[in-house]
């Protein structure tokens, strides 16, 4: 049996598993059913399986017949708190939760890469390790997996992200920074409440929040090198309790900082604090900034990218292997890639007609799993074998 015959044989199981995960989505660190099914499937292949890694993660090891290098395949498995309205017959059966980012496909692809490689175990020199990671959407699962030792002895890492806005059959990758670091912050403003008719007797936190929202953008437009990239977004502003005639004593701003460069990331985190405290003080109030640090930027190893491109061109043709621009979305795959050389690529999963596709994290999110998932298995499998060679 050759590789393509093996992939054709496992494709019905691949599609069924992805759609089963889609019907039964689970949020970060709640992926109990998902991880149990993955573990049972991998144990059935004869792999060495460890459950409960980083709470709900699964690690599996496929040891080849001969000694060699170790490659890690990473897949995230959690869903999002979104009510699905995609209309597919296998829609989520869990109210308010859906796989709107393709993690159901990532998990199914990685499991079936294991299924294919298990058939060629006697021809493999080295080890293929599989990390099914929880809680990517809340940027909390990768780091504890690394701390649990999942990268011990690993030489290189590979992973993919399905992309609904790229037609199935296309592959996107880039060397160097690929996805941004994404850090969340909360700014608590303290002023002094007053009657709306007597603003001079208070310290207006609504005005303070407005001034700060505008001023924060100057950190990008006037304090960041135009050659570098950064985004500061204020996504939530809350103040008051609905009254028309009360100046509220407190206000809260929530937002994110997105960067590629580690030095710029550190600088802007510091400056957001300084600017917030300075503006609040100048207006007679106080500000306190708290951070929910995200993951670092996703950075692909240039040599690994070039090896992957060679493999991908053989599979889909040169015209279908695209150099994609970096994106400001984050992914804690960076916790793996910051420690081991590797590649994280985009796999097209959309319809050729763009009007039929919906973006990630959309309640109507949809992927063409029949055309994209088998291709994902082939690309990952061939990349693993190339890395091990």
Foldseek 3Di string as FASTA:
>chain_A
DDLVVLLVVCLVVLVVQLLLCQQEAAAFLGCQVVLVVLQVLLVVLVWDKDAQQLHGKIKTKQAAPAAFAEEEEEAERHWDQAAADQPDPSHYPDGRIGRQFCSSLQSSLQSVLSVSVSVVRHVFHHMYMYIHWGHFVVQRTPVSNVVVPSCVRHAEYEYEGEFAQFAFLFKEFAAWFAEWWKKKKKKKKFKAKDWQVCCVVIQAVVVLVVVLQVVLVCCVVPVDDPVFDKDKDFDDKDFDDPDPTMRGRMIMTMIMIIGQDPVSVVVSVVVSQVSSQVSSVVSPIGMDMDMDGHAHTAGAHVVLVVLLLVLSCVVRNNVRYYHDHHYRHGGNVNVVCVVHHYTYMYGYFYHPPSVSADGGPDSNHDGNCSRTSSVSSSSVSVSVRSVRD
